[in-house]
Amino acid sequence: MRKQVILAVVAVFLCGLLGTSLARSQQGPPKPGPEHEKLAYFAGTWLSEGEAKASPYGPAGRFAFRETCEWFEGRFALLCRSEGKFGDIPIKGISVMSYDPTEKKYIYFESNSLGENELSHGTVNGDTWTWNGQSKGPDGKPIHGRFTLKQVSADVATYRFEMGPSGDSLALVMEGKQTRQK
């Protein structure tokens, strides 16, 4: 008798799973929304250069990077690879940009060859993207960061990066310009 009850429960579960799968297949695969499509601005190859300001978070210096971003299968996320130099220090990085419909925010995650990992959440208002994140300094205390990018044209953007011990006390530490390569 107990074996029959277990078989009946498994059969009901499998029927429910099959019904859910059939309903999904009739609707087709999920499609990206308009928020995902806004990420299309970043697709392509960009040259970025700028200047870091001396701050408690690092030295002053010039930097230049080349970044290539491509759609990941399904067009829900962009995968980006970057390579460049900060002063004489070579850096390579990989990042992912997407949109989280549950949080109603964009997501940016980056990891680089210096062992740094950054997670930021962003919004877009017209032609301005704002990304906010938090990491820990060498002393273990939180460091807040805000990256603001302004789309000047379809192929040019300017940006600035601010950091501070709290979201209310941010100071400019970096600014630059990026240009899409044709």
N, C-alpha and C. Protein backbone atom coordinates (compact mmCIF):
# COMPACT_ATOMS: atom_id res chain seq x y z
N MET A 1 0.83 -1.19 0.00
CA MET A 1 0.00 0.00 0.00
C MET A 1 0.87 1.26 0.00
N ARG A 2 1.90 1.30 0.84
CA ARG A 2 2.76 2.47 0.92
C ARG A 2 3.47 2.71 -0.41
N LYS A 3 3.89 1.66 -1.09
CA LYS A 3 4.56 1.77 -2.38
C LYS A 3 3.62 2.39 -3.40
N GLN A 4 2.35 2.06 -3.37
CA GLN A 4 1.36 2.62 -4.30
C GLN A 4 1.16 4.12 -4.06
N VAL A 5 1.16 4.52 -2.80
CA VAL A 5 1.00 5.94 -2.48
C VAL A 5 2.20 6.73 -3.01
N ILE A 6 3.40 6.19 -2.81
CA ILE A 6 4.60 6.87 -3.30
C ILE A 6 4.56 6.97 -4.82
N LEU A 7 4.17 5.90 -5.50
CA LEU A 7 4.08 5.92 -6.96
C LEU A 7 3.04 6.94 -7.43
N ALA A 8 1.95 7.04 -6.72
CA ALA A 8 0.90 8.00 -7.09
C ALA A 8 1.41 9.43 -6.94
N VAL A 9 2.13 9.71 -5.85
CA VAL A 9 2.68 11.05 -5.63
C VAL A 9 3.69 11.39 -6.72
N VAL A 10 4.56 10.45 -7.07
CA VAL A 10 5.56 10.67 -8.12
C VAL A 10 4.85 10.92 -9.45
N ALA A 11 3.80 10.15 -9.75
CA ALA A 11 3.07 10.31 -11.01
C ALA A 11 2.43 11.70 -11.09
N VAL A 12 1.83 12.15 -10.00
CA VAL A 12 1.21 13.49 -9.98
C VAL A 12 2.28 14.56 -10.18
N PHE A 13 3.42 14.41 -9.52
CA PHE A 13 4.51 15.37 -9.66
C PHE A 13 5.01 15.42 -11.11
N LEU A 14 5.22 14.28 -11.73
CA LEU A 14 5.70 14.23 -13.11
C LEU A 14 4.68 14.83 -14.08
N CYS A 15 3.39 14.59 -13.83
CA CYS A 15 2.36 15.18 -14.68
C CYS A 15 2.37 16.71 -14.57
N GLY A 16 2.55 17.21 -13.37
CA GLY A 16 2.63 18.66 -13.17
C GLY A 16 3.85 19.25 -13.86
N LEU A 17 4.98 18.57 -13.75
CA LEU A 17 6.20 19.01 -14.40
C LEU A 17 6.05 19.00 -15.91
N LEU A 18 5.44 17.96 -16.45
CA LEU A 18 5.20 17.86 -17.89
C LEU A 18 4.26 18.96 -18.35
N GLY A 19 3.22 19.24 -17.57
CA GLY A 19 2.28 20.30 -17.93
C GLY A 19 2.95 21.66 -17.96
N THR A 20 3.81 21.92 -17.00
CA THR A 20 4.55 23.19 -16.97
C THR A 20 5.47 23.30 -18.17
N SER A 21 6.17 22.22 -18.50
CA SER A 21 7.07 22.22 -19.65
C SER A 21 6.30 22.43 -20.95
N LEU A 22 5.15 21.79 -21.08
CA LEU A 22 4.34 21.97 -22.30
C LEU A 22 3.82 23.40 -22.41
N ALA A 23 3.41 23.99 -21.31
CA ALA A 23 2.93 25.38 -21.33
C ALA A 23 4.04 26.32 -21.76
N ARG A 24 5.25 26.08 -21.25
CA ARG A 24 6.38 26.93 -21.63
C ARG A 24 6.73 26.76 -23.10
N SER A 25 6.71 25.52 -23.59
CA SER A 25 7.09 25.29 -24.98
C SER A 25 6.06 25.90 -25.93
N GLN A 26 4.80 25.99 -25.52
CA GLN A 26 3.78 26.61 -26.36
C GLN A 26 3.98 28.12 -26.40
N GLN A 27 4.48 28.71 -25.32
CA GLN A 27 4.74 30.15 -25.29
C GLN A 27 6.04 30.49 -25.98
N GLY A 28 6.93 29.55 -26.14
CA GLY A 28 8.24 29.80 -26.72
C GLY A 28 9.22 30.25 -25.66
N PRO A 29 10.48 30.39 -26.05
CA PRO A 29 11.48 30.83 -25.07
C PRO A 29 11.23 32.27 -24.65
N PRO A 30 11.70 32.64 -23.46
CA PRO A 30 11.51 34.03 -23.02
C PRO A 30 12.24 34.99 -23.95
N LYS A 31 11.74 36.19 -24.03
CA LYS A 31 12.32 37.20 -24.90
C LYS A 31 12.81 38.38 -24.05
N PRO A 32 13.93 38.99 -24.48
CA PRO A 32 14.42 40.16 -23.75
C PRO A 32 13.40 41.29 -23.82
N GLY A 33 13.36 42.08 -22.77
CA GLY A 33 12.46 43.23 -22.72
C GLY A 33 13.15 44.50 -23.17
N PRO A 34 12.43 45.61 -23.16
CA PRO A 34 13.01 46.88 -23.60
C PRO A 34 14.21 47.31 -22.75
N GLU A 35 14.24 46.92 -21.48
CA GLU A 35 15.38 47.26 -20.63
C GLU A 35 16.64 46.56 -21.11
N HIS A 36 16.51 45.28 -21.55
CA HIS A 36 17.66 44.57 -22.09
C HIS A 36 18.15 45.24 -23.36
N GLU A 37 17.23 45.69 -24.19
CA GLU A 37 17.60 46.32 -25.46
C GLU A 37 18.40 47.60 -25.26
N LYS A 38 18.21 48.28 -24.13
CA LYS A 38 18.99 49.50 -23.87
C LYS A 38 20.47 49.19 -23.74
N LEU A 39 20.80 47.96 -23.38
CA LEU A 39 22.20 47.55 -23.27
C LEU A 39 22.89 47.50 -24.63
N ALA A 40 22.12 47.49 -25.72
CA ALA A 40 22.69 47.43 -27.07
C ALA A 40 23.68 48.58 -27.31
N TYR A 41 23.48 49.69 -26.62
CA TYR A 41 24.40 50.83 -26.77
C TYR A 41 25.85 50.39 -26.53
N PHE A 42 26.08 49.46 -25.60
CA PHE A 42 27.42 49.07 -25.21
C PHE A 42 28.03 47.98 -26.10
N ALA A 43 27.23 47.37 -26.97
CA ALA A 43 27.75 46.31 -27.84
C ALA A 43 28.75 46.90 -28.83
N GLY A 44 29.83 46.17 -29.08
CA GLY A 44 30.85 46.62 -30.01
C GLY A 44 32.19 46.77 -29.32
N THR A 45 33.12 47.40 -30.02
CA THR A 45 34.46 47.62 -29.50
C THR A 45 34.65 49.09 -29.21
N TRP A 46 35.13 49.38 -28.01
CA TRP A 46 35.31 50.75 -27.54
C TRP A 46 36.76 50.98 -27.12
N LEU A 47 37.27 52.16 -27.41
CA LEU A 47 38.55 52.61 -26.87
C LEU A 47 38.24 53.62 -25.78
N SER A 48 38.85 53.43 -24.64
CA SER A 48 38.58 54.28 -23.48
C SER A 48 39.90 54.83 -22.96
N GLU A 49 39.92 56.13 -22.68
CA GLU A 49 41.11 56.71 -22.08
C GLU A 49 40.71 57.83 -21.14
N GLY A 50 41.55 58.02 -20.15
CA GLY A 50 41.23 59.04 -19.18
C GLY A 50 42.32 59.21 -18.15
N GLU A 51 41.93 59.81 -17.03
CA GLU A 51 42.89 60.14 -15.99
C GLU A 51 42.31 59.82 -14.61
N ALA A 52 43.14 59.19 -13.80
CA ALA A 52 42.78 58.95 -12.40
C ALA A 52 43.38 60.08 -11.58
N LYS A 53 42.65 60.50 -10.57
CA LYS A 53 43.11 61.55 -9.65
C LYS A 53 43.76 60.88 -8.43
N ALA A 54 44.78 61.50 -7.89
CA ALA A 54 45.38 60.99 -6.66
C ALA A 54 44.33 61.02 -5.56
N SER A 55 44.21 59.94 -4.83
CA SER A 55 43.22 59.85 -3.75
C SER A 55 43.68 58.80 -2.74
N PRO A 56 42.97 58.66 -1.63
CA PRO A 56 43.32 57.60 -0.69
C PRO A 56 43.16 56.20 -1.30
N TYR A 57 42.49 56.12 -2.47
CA TYR A 57 42.21 54.82 -3.09
C TYR A 57 43.20 54.46 -4.18
N GLY A 58 44.11 55.37 -4.51
CA GLY A 58 45.10 55.05 -5.53
C GLY A 58 45.81 56.29 -6.05
N PRO A 59 46.87 56.05 -6.84
CA PRO A 59 47.67 57.16 -7.36
C PRO A 59 47.01 57.81 -8.59
N ALA A 60 47.51 58.98 -8.93
CA ALA A 60 47.08 59.64 -10.16
C ALA A 60 47.75 58.94 -11.33
N GLY A 61 47.16 59.05 -12.49
CA GLY A 61 47.79 58.47 -13.67
C GLY A 61 46.84 58.40 -14.84
N ARG A 62 47.41 58.24 -16.01
CA ARG A 62 46.63 58.09 -17.23
C ARG A 62 46.33 56.61 -17.44
N PHE A 63 45.23 56.32 -18.13
CA PHE A 63 44.89 54.94 -18.46
C PHE A 63 44.30 54.89 -19.86
N ALA A 64 44.41 53.72 -20.48
CA ALA A 64 43.82 53.48 -21.80
C ALA A 64 43.44 52.01 -21.88
N PHE A 65 42.22 51.75 -22.37
CA PHE A 65 41.71 50.39 -22.48
C PHE A 65 40.98 50.19 -23.80
N ARG A 66 40.96 48.96 -24.24
CA ARG A 66 40.14 48.54 -25.37
C ARG A 66 39.18 47.50 -24.82
N GLU A 67 37.88 47.69 -25.06
CA GLU A 67 36.87 46.77 -24.53
C GLU A 67 35.95 46.33 -25.67
N THR A 68 35.70 45.03 -25.74
CA THR A 68 34.78 44.48 -26.74
C THR A 68 33.64 43.79 -26.01
N CYS A 69 32.40 44.22 -26.32
CA CYS A 69 31.20 43.66 -25.69
C CYS A 69 30.33 43.00 -26.76
N GLU A 70 29.90 41.78 -26.48
CA GLU A 70 29.06 41.02 -27.40
C GLU A 70 27.87 40.44 -26.65
N TRP A 71 26.77 40.29 -27.37
CA TRP A 71 25.58 39.69 -26.76
C TRP A 71 25.84 38.23 -26.43
N PHE A 72 25.42 37.83 -25.26
CA PHE A 72 25.40 36.42 -24.89
C PHE A 72 24.14 35.83 -25.50
N GLU A 73 24.17 34.55 -25.78
CA GLU A 73 23.02 33.88 -26.41
C GLU A 73 21.73 34.22 -25.68
N GLY A 74 20.71 34.60 -26.43
CA GLY A 74 19.42 34.97 -25.87
C GLY A 74 19.23 36.49 -25.78
N ARG A 75 20.34 37.25 -25.86
CA ARG A 75 20.33 38.72 -25.80
C ARG A 75 19.78 39.27 -24.47
N PHE A 76 20.05 38.55 -23.39
CA PHE A 76 19.69 39.04 -22.06
C PHE A 76 20.89 39.70 -21.37
N ALA A 77 22.10 39.44 -21.87
CA ALA A 77 23.31 39.96 -21.22
C ALA A 77 24.40 40.23 -22.26
N LEU A 78 25.26 41.18 -21.92
CA LEU A 78 26.46 41.44 -22.71
C LEU A 78 27.66 40.88 -21.97
N LEU A 79 28.55 40.22 -22.70
CA LEU A 79 29.82 39.75 -22.16
C LEU A 79 30.91 40.64 -22.73
N CYS A 80 31.76 41.17 -21.87
CA CYS A 80 32.77 42.12 -22.31
C CYS A 80 34.16 41.66 -21.85
N ARG A 81 35.13 41.91 -22.73
CA ARG A 81 36.53 41.65 -22.41
C ARG A 81 37.29 42.95 -22.61
N SER A 82 38.16 43.27 -21.66
CA SER A 82 38.93 44.50 -21.77
C SER A 82 40.41 44.21 -21.57
N GLU A 83 41.22 45.08 -22.16
CA GLU A 83 42.66 44.96 -22.03
C GLU A 83 43.24 46.37 -22.14
N GLY A 84 44.17 46.69 -21.26
CA GLY A 84 44.76 48.01 -21.32
C GLY A 84 45.82 48.20 -20.27
N LYS A 85 46.11 49.49 -20.01
CA LYS A 85 47.15 49.83 -19.04
C LYS A 85 46.68 50.98 -18.17
N PHE A 86 47.02 50.89 -16.90
CA PHE A 86 46.90 52.01 -15.98
C PHE A 86 48.34 52.41 -15.69
N GLY A 87 48.78 53.54 -16.24
CA GLY A 87 50.20 53.87 -16.17
C GLY A 87 50.97 52.80 -16.91
N ASP A 88 51.89 52.13 -16.22
CA ASP A 88 52.67 51.05 -16.83
C ASP A 88 52.13 49.66 -16.46
N ILE A 89 51.03 49.61 -15.73
CA ILE A 89 50.51 48.33 -15.25
C ILE A 89 49.50 47.76 -16.25
N PRO A 90 49.81 46.60 -16.85
CA PRO A 90 48.83 45.99 -17.77
C PRO A 90 47.69 45.34 -16.98
N ILE A 91 46.47 45.48 -17.50
CA ILE A 91 45.29 44.92 -16.85
C ILE A 91 44.39 44.29 -17.90
N LYS A 92 43.89 43.10 -17.61
CA LYS A 92 42.87 42.45 -18.44
C LYS A 92 41.65 42.24 -17.56
N GLY A 93 40.48 42.33 -18.16
CA GLY A 93 39.26 42.14 -17.39
C GLY A 93 38.16 41.47 -18.19
N ILE A 94 37.19 40.97 -17.48
CA ILE A 94 36.00 40.39 -18.08
C ILE A 94 34.81 40.91 -17.27
N SER A 95 33.72 41.21 -17.96
CA SER A 95 32.55 41.73 -17.25
C SER A 95 31.27 41.24 -17.92
N VAL A 96 30.18 41.35 -17.16
CA VAL A 96 28.85 40.98 -17.63
C VAL A 96 27.90 42.12 -17.26
N MET A 97 27.08 42.52 -18.22
CA MET A 97 26.03 43.52 -17.97
C MET A 97 24.70 42.88 -18.33
N SER A 98 23.70 43.07 -17.47
CA SER A 98 22.37 42.54 -17.73
C SER A 98 21.34 43.39 -16.99
N TYR A 99 20.09 42.96 -17.07
CA TYR A 99 19.01 43.64 -16.37
C TYR A 99 18.28 42.62 -15.52
N ASP A 100 18.00 42.98 -14.28
CA ASP A 100 17.27 42.11 -13.36
C ASP A 100 15.84 42.65 -13.25
N PRO A 101 14.86 41.99 -13.91
CA PRO A 101 13.49 42.51 -13.86
C PRO A 101 12.87 42.43 -12.47
N THR A 102 13.35 41.54 -11.62
CA THR A 102 12.82 41.44 -10.26
C THR A 102 13.22 42.67 -9.44
N GLU A 103 14.50 43.06 -9.54
CA GLU A 103 15.00 44.22 -8.81
C GLU A 103 14.75 45.53 -9.55
N LYS A 104 14.43 45.41 -10.85
CA LYS A 104 14.24 46.59 -11.71
C LYS A 104 15.50 47.45 -11.73
N LYS A 105 16.65 46.76 -11.83
CA LYS A 105 17.94 47.42 -11.90
C LYS A 105 18.85 46.67 -12.85
N TYR A 106 19.80 47.41 -13.40
CA TYR A 106 20.83 46.79 -14.22
C TYR A 106 21.89 46.21 -13.29
N ILE A 107 22.61 45.21 -13.79
CA ILE A 107 23.65 44.54 -13.01
C ILE A 107 24.94 44.58 -13.81
N TYR A 108 26.04 44.87 -13.13
CA TYR A 108 27.36 44.86 -13.76
C TYR A 108 28.29 44.11 -12.82
N PHE A 109 28.97 43.09 -13.35
CA PHE A 109 29.96 42.37 -12.57
C PHE A 109 31.25 42.34 -13.36
N GLU A 110 32.36 42.65 -12.69
CA GLU A 110 33.67 42.66 -13.34
C GLU A 110 34.69 41.94 -12.47
N SER A 111 35.59 41.23 -13.14
CA SER A 111 36.74 40.63 -12.48
C SER A 111 37.95 40.93 -13.36
N ASN A 112 39.12 41.21 -12.72
CA ASN A 112 40.27 41.55 -13.55
C ASN A 112 41.54 40.83 -13.11
N SER A 113 42.60 41.04 -13.89
CA SER A 113 43.86 40.34 -13.67
C SER A 113 44.62 40.82 -12.43
N LEU A 114 44.13 41.84 -11.77
CA LEU A 114 44.72 42.29 -10.50
C LEU A 114 44.03 41.66 -9.30
N GLY A 115 43.05 40.79 -9.58
CA GLY A 115 42.32 40.12 -8.50
C GLY A 115 41.16 40.91 -7.94
N GLU A 116 40.80 41.99 -8.61
CA GLU A 116 39.68 42.82 -8.15
C GLU A 116 38.37 42.28 -8.72
N ASN A 117 37.33 42.32 -7.91
CA ASN A 117 35.99 41.91 -8.32
C ASN A 117 35.02 43.00 -7.89
N GLU A 118 34.17 43.43 -8.80
CA GLU A 118 33.23 44.50 -8.49
C GLU A 118 31.83 44.11 -8.94
N LEU A 119 30.86 44.37 -8.10
CA LEU A 119 29.45 44.17 -8.43
C LEU A 119 28.75 45.51 -8.23
N SER A 120 28.04 45.95 -9.25
CA SER A 120 27.31 47.22 -9.16
C SER A 120 25.89 47.03 -9.67
N HIS A 121 25.00 47.89 -9.19
CA HIS A 121 23.62 47.93 -9.66
C HIS A 121 23.40 49.30 -10.27
N GLY A 122 22.67 49.32 -11.39
CA GLY A 122 22.54 50.58 -12.09
C GLY A 122 21.15 50.91 -12.56
N THR A 123 21.04 52.18 -12.96
CA THR A 123 19.80 52.69 -13.54
C THR A 123 20.19 53.52 -14.76
N VAL A 124 19.21 53.76 -15.62
CA VAL A 124 19.43 54.64 -16.76
C VAL A 124 18.31 55.67 -16.77
N ASN A 125 18.69 56.92 -16.97
CA ASN A 125 17.72 58.01 -17.04
C ASN A 125 18.09 58.82 -18.28
N GLY A 126 17.32 58.63 -19.36
CA GLY A 126 17.63 59.30 -20.61
C GLY A 126 18.95 58.79 -21.16
N ASP A 127 19.94 59.68 -21.27
CA ASP A 127 21.25 59.30 -21.82
C ASP A 127 22.30 59.10 -20.73
N THR A 128 21.88 58.99 -19.47
CA THR A 128 22.83 58.87 -18.36
C THR A 128 22.62 57.56 -17.60
N TRP A 129 23.69 56.79 -17.51
CA TRP A 129 23.71 55.54 -16.75
C TRP A 129 24.42 55.80 -15.44
N THR A 130 23.86 55.31 -14.34
CA THR A 130 24.48 55.46 -13.03
C THR A 130 24.58 54.08 -12.38
N TRP A 131 25.79 53.70 -12.01
CA TRP A 131 26.06 52.40 -11.38
C TRP A 131 26.61 52.64 -9.98
N ASN A 132 26.05 51.98 -8.98
CA ASN A 132 26.49 52.10 -7.59
C ASN A 132 26.94 50.74 -7.08
N GLY A 133 28.06 50.75 -6.39
CA GLY A 133 28.57 49.50 -5.83
C GLY A 133 29.28 49.76 -4.52
N GLN A 134 29.65 48.67 -3.87
CA GLN A 134 30.35 48.75 -2.59
C GLN A 134 31.38 47.64 -2.54
N SER A 135 32.55 47.96 -2.06
CA SER A 135 33.59 46.96 -1.86
C SER A 135 34.25 47.25 -0.51
N LYS A 136 35.28 46.47 -0.20
CA LYS A 136 35.99 46.69 1.06
C LYS A 136 37.42 47.11 0.76
N GLY A 137 37.89 48.09 1.51
CA GLY A 137 39.26 48.55 1.38
C GLY A 137 40.21 47.60 2.06
N PRO A 138 41.51 47.87 1.96
CA PRO A 138 42.51 47.00 2.60
C PRO A 138 42.32 46.90 4.11
N ASP A 139 41.69 47.94 4.70
CA ASP A 139 41.45 47.92 6.14
C ASP A 139 40.15 47.22 6.51
N GLY A 140 39.45 46.69 5.51
CA GLY A 140 38.20 45.98 5.76
C GLY A 140 36.97 46.87 5.85
N LYS A 141 37.17 48.18 5.77
CA LYS A 141 36.04 49.11 5.84
C LYS A 141 35.39 49.26 4.47
N PRO A 142 34.07 49.52 4.45
CA PRO A 142 33.38 49.64 3.16
C PRO A 142 33.82 50.88 2.38
N ILE A 143 33.88 50.71 1.08
CA ILE A 143 34.14 51.80 0.15
C ILE A 143 32.99 51.82 -0.84
N HIS A 144 32.36 52.95 -0.97
CA HIS A 144 31.25 53.11 -1.91
C HIS A 144 31.78 53.69 -3.21
N GLY A 145 31.19 53.24 -4.32
CA GLY A 145 31.60 53.77 -5.61
C GLY A 145 30.40 54.09 -6.47
N ARG A 146 30.54 55.13 -7.29
CA ARG A 146 29.47 55.49 -8.24
C ARG A 146 30.13 55.80 -9.58
N PHE A 147 29.71 55.06 -10.60
CA PHE A 147 30.19 55.25 -11.97
C PHE A 147 29.05 55.85 -12.77
N THR A 148 29.29 57.01 -13.37
CA THR A 148 28.27 57.70 -14.15
C THR A 148 28.75 57.85 -15.58
N LEU A 149 27.97 57.35 -16.53
CA LEU A 149 28.32 57.42 -17.95
C LEU A 149 27.25 58.20 -18.68
N LYS A 150 27.68 59.17 -19.49
CA LYS A 150 26.75 59.97 -20.29
C LYS A 150 27.00 59.67 -21.76
N GLN A 151 25.94 59.24 -22.44
CA GLN A 151 26.01 58.97 -23.86
C GLN A 151 26.00 60.32 -24.59
N VAL A 152 27.14 60.70 -25.16
CA VAL A 152 27.25 61.96 -25.89
C VAL A 152 26.67 61.80 -27.29
N SER A 153 26.91 60.62 -27.89
CA SER A 153 26.35 60.29 -29.21
C SER A 153 26.28 58.76 -29.29
N ALA A 154 25.91 58.24 -30.45
CA ALA A 154 25.83 56.78 -30.61
C ALA A 154 27.20 56.12 -30.46
N ASP A 155 28.28 56.90 -30.66
CA ASP A 155 29.62 56.32 -30.66
C ASP A 155 30.58 56.96 -29.65
N VAL A 156 30.09 57.84 -28.80
CA VAL A 156 30.96 58.52 -27.82
C VAL A 156 30.23 58.63 -26.49
N ALA A 157 30.98 58.38 -25.41
CA ALA A 157 30.44 58.55 -24.06
C ALA A 157 31.53 59.14 -23.18
N THR A 158 31.12 59.91 -22.20
CA THR A 158 32.04 60.40 -21.17
C THR A 158 31.64 59.74 -19.86
N TYR A 159 32.59 59.61 -18.95
CA TYR A 159 32.27 58.97 -17.68
C TYR A 159 33.12 59.53 -16.57
N ARG A 160 32.64 59.30 -15.36
CA ARG A 160 33.35 59.68 -14.14
C ARG A 160 33.10 58.62 -13.08
N PHE A 161 34.08 58.44 -12.23
CA PHE A 161 33.97 57.46 -11.15
C PHE A 161 34.30 58.17 -9.85
N GLU A 162 33.41 58.01 -8.87
CA GLU A 162 33.58 58.63 -7.55
C GLU A 162 33.63 57.53 -6.49
N MET A 163 34.40 57.79 -5.44
CA MET A 163 34.52 56.83 -4.34
C MET A 163 34.52 57.57 -3.02
N GLY A 164 34.13 56.84 -1.97
CA GLY A 164 34.16 57.42 -0.63
C GLY A 164 33.74 56.42 0.42
N PRO A 165 33.91 56.78 1.69
CA PRO A 165 33.56 55.87 2.78
C PRO A 165 32.05 55.69 2.94
N SER A 166 31.27 56.60 2.36
CA SER A 166 29.82 56.43 2.38
C SER A 166 29.25 56.97 1.08
N GLY A 167 28.01 56.62 0.80
CA GLY A 167 27.37 57.09 -0.42
C GLY A 167 27.17 58.59 -0.44
N ASP A 168 27.27 59.24 0.73
CA ASP A 168 27.08 60.69 0.82
C ASP A 168 28.38 61.47 0.71
N SER A 169 29.50 60.81 0.81
CA SER A 169 30.78 61.52 0.80
C SER A 169 31.70 60.98 -0.30
N LEU A 170 31.25 61.10 -1.54
CA LEU A 170 32.02 60.60 -2.67
C LEU A 170 32.88 61.71 -3.27
N ALA A 171 34.10 61.35 -3.69
CA ALA A 171 35.00 62.28 -4.35
C ALA A 171 35.39 61.72 -5.71
N LEU A 172 35.59 62.59 -6.68
CA LEU A 172 35.98 62.19 -8.02
C LEU A 172 37.37 61.56 -7.99
N VAL A 173 37.49 60.33 -8.51
CA VAL A 173 38.79 59.66 -8.56
C VAL A 173 39.21 59.32 -9.99
N MET A 174 38.27 59.40 -10.94
CA MET A 174 38.61 59.05 -12.32
C MET A 174 37.60 59.67 -13.27
N GLU A 175 38.07 60.10 -14.44
CA GLU A 175 37.15 60.52 -15.49
C GLU A 175 37.79 60.24 -16.84
N GLY A 176 36.92 60.02 -17.83
CA GLY A 176 37.44 59.68 -19.14
C GLY A 176 36.38 59.74 -20.23
N LYS A 177 36.80 59.24 -21.39
CA LYS A 177 35.95 59.26 -22.58
C LYS A 177 36.15 57.94 -23.31
N GLN A 178 35.07 57.41 -23.87
CA GLN A 178 35.19 56.19 -24.67
C GLN A 178 34.57 56.44 -26.04
N THR A 179 35.20 55.83 -27.06
CA THR A 179 34.78 56.01 -28.44
C THR A 179 34.62 54.64 -29.10
N ARG A 180 33.48 54.45 -29.74
CA ARG A 180 33.23 53.17 -30.43
C ARG A 180 34.12 53.09 -31.66
N GLN A 181 34.71 51.93 -31.89
CA GLN A 181 35.54 51.68 -33.05
C GLN A 181 34.69 51.08 -34.16
N LYS A 182 34.87 51.56 -35.34
CA LYS A 182 34.07 51.07 -36.49
C LYS A 182 34.83 50.00 -37.23
